Amino acid sequence: QVQFVESGGGLVQPGGSLRLSCAASGILFSAYTMAWYRQAPGKQRELVARISSGGNTNYADSVKGRFTISRDNAKKIVYLQMISLKPEDTAVYYCNAGTSPFTSWGQGTQVTVSS
């Protein structure tokens, strides 16, 4: 059974930093491109960052230079380091496969950027 468990969110002031983690199970983790997505209130879920099995990364324009995605294949964890956070980064953040997401999504982790 595919399962993703996200953690690390919270309330942070503009300009602050957070590091999100996502533990995956039920998949051959090292073989998959993995990604972080986010969904803000009233908006559709969007792709934030993606990392291939070989470690190549790409980012949404809105987060380039501020977010860094990484992975630990031994631990089956994908990370999202976020710096210089802005109020518009406020959303629930999810991880999933980066090309064809599984239908099973985790509960996500809430990130709120506010003063």
N, C-alpha and C. Protein backbone atom coordinates (compact mmCIF):
# COMPACT_ATOMS: atom_id res chain seq x y z
N GLN A 1 0.85 -1.19 0.00
CA GLN A 1 0.00 0.00 0.00
C GLN A 1 0.88 1.24 0.00
N VAL A 2 0.61 2.11 -0.96
CA VAL A 2 1.39 3.34 -1.07
C VAL A 2 0.98 4.31 0.04
N GLN A 3 1.96 4.89 0.68
CA GLN A 3 1.67 5.84 1.76
C GLN A 3 2.74 6.94 1.78
N PHE A 4 2.27 8.17 1.95
CA PHE A 4 3.15 9.32 2.10
C PHE A 4 2.79 10.03 3.41
N VAL A 5 3.79 10.33 4.22
CA VAL A 5 3.56 11.01 5.49
C VAL A 5 4.43 12.27 5.52
N GLU A 6 3.77 13.42 5.42
CA GLU A 6 4.47 14.70 5.39
C GLU A 6 4.54 15.29 6.80
N SER A 7 5.61 16.04 7.05
CA SER A 7 5.78 16.70 8.35
C SER A 7 6.69 17.90 8.19
N GLY A 8 6.72 18.73 9.24
CA GLY A 8 7.65 19.85 9.26
C GLY A 8 7.03 21.21 9.03
N GLY A 9 5.75 21.25 8.74
CA GLY A 9 5.10 22.54 8.52
C GLY A 9 4.92 23.30 9.82
N GLY A 10 4.40 24.52 9.68
CA GLY A 10 4.15 25.34 10.85
C GLY A 10 3.87 26.77 10.47
N LEU A 11 3.84 27.61 11.50
CA LEU A 11 3.62 29.05 11.32
C LEU A 11 4.98 29.75 11.35
N VAL A 12 5.25 30.55 10.35
CA VAL A 12 6.54 31.23 10.27
C VAL A 12 6.32 32.64 9.76
N GLN A 13 7.16 33.55 10.17
CA GLN A 13 7.05 34.93 9.71
C GLN A 13 7.62 35.07 8.31
N PRO A 14 7.17 36.06 7.57
CA PRO A 14 7.78 36.32 6.25
C PRO A 14 9.29 36.44 6.37
N GLY A 15 9.98 35.81 5.42
CA GLY A 15 11.44 35.79 5.46
C GLY A 15 12.01 34.61 6.21
N GLY A 16 11.15 33.86 6.87
CA GLY A 16 11.61 32.72 7.65
C GLY A 16 11.86 31.48 6.81
N SER A 17 12.21 30.40 7.51
CA SER A 17 12.58 29.15 6.85
C SER A 17 11.87 27.97 7.50
N LEU A 18 11.68 26.94 6.70
CA LEU A 18 11.15 25.67 7.18
C LEU A 18 11.75 24.55 6.36
N ARG A 19 11.81 23.38 6.95
CA ARG A 19 12.24 22.19 6.22
C ARG A 19 11.15 21.12 6.35
N LEU A 20 10.60 20.75 5.23
CA LEU A 20 9.57 19.72 5.20
C LEU A 20 10.20 18.37 4.90
N SER A 21 9.58 17.33 5.45
CA SER A 21 10.00 15.95 5.19
C SER A 21 8.81 15.13 4.76
N CYS A 22 9.07 14.14 3.93
CA CYS A 22 8.01 13.22 3.50
C CYS A 22 8.58 11.81 3.47
N ALA A 23 8.00 10.96 4.29
CA ALA A 23 8.40 9.56 4.33
C ALA A 23 7.47 8.75 3.44
N ALA A 24 8.05 8.00 2.54
CA ALA A 24 7.28 7.20 1.59
C ALA A 24 7.40 5.72 1.93
N SER A 25 6.34 4.99 1.67
CA SER A 25 6.37 3.54 1.84
C SER A 25 5.48 2.90 0.79
N GLY A 26 5.73 1.62 0.53
CA GLY A 26 4.91 0.90 -0.43
C GLY A 26 5.30 1.09 -1.88
N ILE A 27 6.41 1.81 -2.12
CA ILE A 27 6.90 2.01 -3.49
C ILE A 27 8.40 1.75 -3.53
N LEU A 28 8.90 1.45 -4.73
CA LEU A 28 10.34 1.34 -4.92
C LEU A 28 10.87 2.76 -5.03
N PHE A 29 11.07 3.38 -3.89
CA PHE A 29 11.31 4.81 -3.79
C PHE A 29 12.44 5.28 -4.70
N SER A 30 13.54 4.57 -4.71
CA SER A 30 14.72 5.04 -5.46
C SER A 30 14.48 5.12 -6.96
N ALA A 31 13.47 4.43 -7.45
CA ALA A 31 13.21 4.39 -8.89
C ALA A 31 12.30 5.52 -9.35
N TYR A 32 11.71 6.23 -8.41
CA TYR A 32 10.70 7.23 -8.77
C TYR A 32 11.23 8.65 -8.74
N THR A 33 10.79 9.45 -9.73
CA THR A 33 10.86 10.89 -9.58
C THR A 33 9.85 11.27 -8.51
N MET A 34 10.31 12.07 -7.55
CA MET A 34 9.44 12.50 -6.46
C MET A 34 9.24 14.01 -6.53
N ALA A 35 8.16 14.46 -5.94
CA ALA A 35 7.84 15.88 -6.03
C ALA A 35 7.11 16.37 -4.80
N TRP A 36 7.20 17.67 -4.59
CA TRP A 36 6.37 18.36 -3.62
C TRP A 36 5.33 19.17 -4.39
N TYR A 37 4.12 19.14 -3.86
CA TYR A 37 3.00 19.89 -4.39
C TYR A 37 2.45 20.75 -3.25
N ARG A 38 1.66 21.74 -3.61
CA ARG A 38 0.98 22.52 -2.57
C ARG A 38 -0.40 22.95 -3.06
N GLN A 39 -1.28 23.16 -2.09
CA GLN A 39 -2.63 23.61 -2.41
C GLN A 39 -3.01 24.70 -1.43
N ALA A 40 -3.20 25.89 -1.96
CA ALA A 40 -3.65 27.01 -1.15
C ALA A 40 -5.18 27.04 -1.12
N PRO A 41 -5.77 27.67 -0.12
CA PRO A 41 -7.23 27.73 -0.03
C PRO A 41 -7.85 28.30 -1.30
N GLY A 42 -8.82 27.59 -1.83
CA GLY A 42 -9.53 28.05 -3.02
C GLY A 42 -8.77 27.90 -4.31
N LYS A 43 -7.61 27.25 -4.27
CA LYS A 43 -6.81 27.08 -5.48
C LYS A 43 -6.57 25.61 -5.76
N GLN A 44 -6.18 25.32 -7.01
CA GLN A 44 -5.85 23.94 -7.36
C GLN A 44 -4.46 23.57 -6.84
N ARG A 45 -4.26 22.29 -6.65
CA ARG A 45 -2.95 21.80 -6.26
C ARG A 45 -1.96 22.07 -7.38
N GLU A 46 -0.76 22.53 -7.01
CA GLU A 46 0.26 22.84 -7.99
C GLU A 46 1.58 22.16 -7.65
N LEU A 47 2.35 21.89 -8.69
CA LEU A 47 3.67 21.31 -8.52
C LEU A 47 4.64 22.39 -8.06
N VAL A 48 5.40 22.10 -7.03
CA VAL A 48 6.35 23.07 -6.49
C VAL A 48 7.78 22.74 -6.90
N ALA A 49 8.15 21.46 -6.72
CA ALA A 49 9.53 21.04 -7.01
C ALA A 49 9.54 19.55 -7.29
N ARG A 50 10.51 19.14 -8.10
CA ARG A 50 10.58 17.74 -8.50
C ARG A 50 12.04 17.31 -8.51
N ILE A 51 12.29 16.06 -8.13
CA ILE A 51 13.64 15.52 -8.16
C ILE A 51 13.60 14.12 -8.77
N SER A 52 14.44 13.91 -9.76
CA SER A 52 14.45 12.62 -10.45
C SER A 52 15.18 11.58 -9.62
N SER A 53 15.09 10.35 -10.07
CA SER A 53 15.80 9.27 -9.38
C SER A 53 17.30 9.53 -9.40
N GLY A 54 17.77 10.24 -10.39
CA GLY A 54 19.20 10.55 -10.50
C GLY A 54 19.61 11.83 -9.82
N GLY A 55 18.64 12.53 -9.25
CA GLY A 55 18.95 13.74 -8.50
C GLY A 55 18.78 15.04 -9.27
N ASN A 56 18.33 14.98 -10.51
CA ASN A 56 18.06 16.22 -11.24
C ASN A 56 16.82 16.88 -10.67
N THR A 57 16.86 18.20 -10.57
CA THR A 57 15.76 18.93 -9.94
C THR A 57 15.19 19.99 -10.87
N ASN A 58 13.93 20.31 -10.66
CA ASN A 58 13.34 21.48 -11.29
C ASN A 58 12.28 22.05 -10.37
N TYR A 59 12.01 23.33 -10.58
CA TYR A 59 11.18 24.09 -9.63
C TYR A 59 10.18 24.97 -10.37
N ALA A 60 9.06 25.22 -9.70
CA ALA A 60 8.13 26.22 -10.19
C ALA A 60 8.83 27.58 -10.15
N ASP A 61 8.51 28.43 -11.10
CA ASP A 61 9.16 29.74 -11.15
C ASP A 61 8.99 30.52 -9.85
N SER A 62 7.87 30.33 -9.20
CA SER A 62 7.56 31.11 -8.00
C SER A 62 8.45 30.77 -6.81
N VAL A 63 9.15 29.62 -6.87
CA VAL A 63 9.97 29.21 -5.73
C VAL A 63 11.45 29.08 -6.07
N LYS A 64 11.80 29.28 -7.33
CA LYS A 64 13.20 29.15 -7.73
C LYS A 64 14.10 30.07 -6.91
N GLY A 65 15.21 29.52 -6.45
CA GLY A 65 16.14 30.30 -5.66
C GLY A 65 15.81 30.35 -4.18
N ARG A 66 14.62 29.88 -3.81
CA ARG A 66 14.22 29.91 -2.40
C ARG A 66 13.99 28.52 -1.84
N PHE A 67 13.54 27.59 -2.66
CA PHE A 67 13.26 26.23 -2.21
C PHE A 67 14.29 25.27 -2.80
N THR A 68 14.62 24.23 -2.02
CA THR A 68 15.53 23.20 -2.48
C THR A 68 14.96 21.83 -2.14
N ILE A 69 14.80 21.00 -3.15
CA ILE A 69 14.31 19.64 -2.94
C ILE A 69 15.50 18.69 -2.91
N SER A 70 15.42 17.70 -2.03
CA SER A 70 16.47 16.69 -1.95
C SER A 70 15.83 15.37 -1.52
N ARG A 71 16.62 14.31 -1.60
CA ARG A 71 16.07 13.00 -1.25
C ARG A 71 17.13 12.13 -0.60
N ASP A 72 16.68 11.22 0.23
CA ASP A 72 17.52 10.20 0.86
C ASP A 72 16.91 8.86 0.50
N ASN A 73 17.48 8.19 -0.48
CA ASN A 73 16.90 6.95 -0.96
C ASN A 73 16.98 5.83 0.09
N ALA A 74 18.00 5.85 0.90
CA ALA A 74 18.13 4.81 1.93
C ALA A 74 17.01 4.91 2.96
N LYS A 75 16.63 6.16 3.27
CA LYS A 75 15.57 6.37 4.27
C LYS A 75 14.20 6.51 3.63
N LYS A 76 14.16 6.59 2.31
CA LYS A 76 12.90 6.78 1.58
C LYS A 76 12.21 8.08 2.02
N ILE A 77 12.99 9.13 2.08
CA ILE A 77 12.47 10.44 2.49
C ILE A 77 12.84 11.47 1.42
N VAL A 78 11.89 12.35 1.15
CA VAL A 78 12.15 13.50 0.29
C VAL A 78 11.95 14.75 1.14
N TYR A 79 12.84 15.72 0.96
CA TYR A 79 12.85 16.94 1.76
C TYR A 79 12.54 18.16 0.88
N LEU A 80 12.06 19.20 1.54
CA LEU A 80 11.91 20.49 0.88
C LEU A 80 12.40 21.55 1.85
N GLN A 81 13.55 22.12 1.55
CA GLN A 81 14.08 23.22 2.34
C GLN A 81 13.55 24.52 1.76
N MET A 82 12.92 25.32 2.60
CA MET A 82 12.29 26.56 2.13
C MET A 82 12.89 27.73 2.91
N ILE A 83 13.37 28.72 2.19
CA ILE A 83 13.90 29.93 2.82
C ILE A 83 13.18 31.13 2.22
N SER A 84 13.38 32.29 2.84
CA SER A 84 12.78 33.53 2.35
C SER A 84 11.29 33.35 2.07
N LEU A 85 10.62 32.74 3.01
CA LEU A 85 9.20 32.44 2.80
C LEU A 85 8.36 33.70 2.69
N LYS A 86 7.33 33.61 1.86
CA LYS A 86 6.43 34.72 1.59
C LYS A 86 5.01 34.32 1.98
N PRO A 87 4.15 35.28 2.26
CA PRO A 87 2.75 34.94 2.58
C PRO A 87 2.09 34.10 1.49
N GLU A 88 2.45 34.30 0.24
CA GLU A 88 1.86 33.52 -0.84
C GLU A 88 2.34 32.08 -0.88
N ASP A 89 3.29 31.71 -0.04
CA ASP A 89 3.69 30.31 0.09
C ASP A 89 2.76 29.54 1.03
N THR A 90 1.85 30.24 1.68
CA THR A 90 0.91 29.60 2.58
C THR A 90 0.05 28.58 1.83
N ALA A 91 0.09 27.34 2.31
CA ALA A 91 -0.63 26.24 1.64
C ALA A 91 -0.44 24.97 2.44
N VAL A 92 -1.17 23.95 2.05
CA VAL A 92 -0.89 22.60 2.53
C VAL A 92 0.06 21.97 1.52
N TYR A 93 1.15 21.42 2.01
CA TYR A 93 2.18 20.84 1.15
C TYR A 93 2.11 19.31 1.20
N TYR A 94 2.18 18.71 0.03
CA TYR A 94 2.09 17.26 -0.13
C TYR A 94 3.27 16.75 -0.94
N CYS A 95 3.62 15.49 -0.74
CA CYS A 95 4.57 14.86 -1.65
C CYS A 95 3.88 13.70 -2.35
N ASN A 96 4.43 13.34 -3.49
CA ASN A 96 3.89 12.24 -4.29
C ASN A 96 4.89 11.98 -5.41
N ALA A 97 4.61 11.02 -6.24
CA ALA A 97 5.45 10.80 -7.41
C ALA A 97 5.42 12.05 -8.28
N GLY A 98 6.50 12.28 -8.97
CA GLY A 98 6.64 13.54 -9.71
C GLY A 98 6.17 13.55 -11.14
N THR A 99 5.87 12.40 -11.70
CA THR A 99 5.39 12.35 -13.08
C THR A 99 3.93 11.93 -13.12
N SER A 100 3.63 10.75 -12.67
CA SER A 100 2.25 10.28 -12.58
C SER A 100 1.92 10.03 -11.11
N PRO A 101 1.41 11.05 -10.44
CA PRO A 101 1.15 10.90 -9.00
C PRO A 101 0.22 9.72 -8.69
N PHE A 102 0.50 9.05 -7.60
CA PHE A 102 -0.39 8.00 -7.13
C PHE A 102 -1.72 8.62 -6.68
N THR A 103 -2.76 7.83 -6.75
CA THR A 103 -4.07 8.33 -6.31
C THR A 103 -4.12 8.50 -4.80
N SER A 104 -3.24 7.81 -4.10
CA SER A 104 -3.20 7.92 -2.64
C SER A 104 -2.30 9.08 -2.23
N TRP A 105 -2.89 10.10 -1.61
CA TRP A 105 -2.16 11.26 -1.12
C TRP A 105 -2.10 11.23 0.40
N GLY A 106 -1.06 11.81 0.95
CA GLY A 106 -0.96 11.92 2.40
C GLY A 106 -1.86 13.02 2.93
N GLN A 107 -1.75 13.26 4.22
CA GLN A 107 -2.57 14.30 4.84
C GLN A 107 -2.01 15.70 4.60
N GLY A 108 -0.77 15.75 4.16
CA GLY A 108 -0.13 17.03 3.92
C GLY A 108 0.35 17.67 5.21
N THR A 109 1.10 18.75 5.06
CA THR A 109 1.57 19.52 6.21
C THR A 109 1.31 20.99 5.92
N GLN A 110 0.70 21.66 6.88
CA GLN A 110 0.28 23.05 6.69
C GLN A 110 1.47 23.99 6.89
N VAL A 111 1.68 24.86 5.93
CA VAL A 111 2.66 25.93 6.04
C VAL A 111 1.91 27.25 6.01
N THR A 112 2.09 28.05 7.05
CA THR A 112 1.44 29.35 7.13
C THR A 112 2.52 30.42 7.32
N VAL A 113 2.56 31.36 6.40
CA VAL A 113 3.54 32.44 6.46
C VAL A 113 2.78 33.73 6.76
N SER A 114 2.99 34.22 7.95
CA SER A 114 2.22 35.39 8.39
C SER A 114 2.95 36.10 9.51
N SER A 115 2.80 37.41 9.56
CA SER A 115 3.38 38.17 10.65
C SER A 115 2.36 38.36 11.76
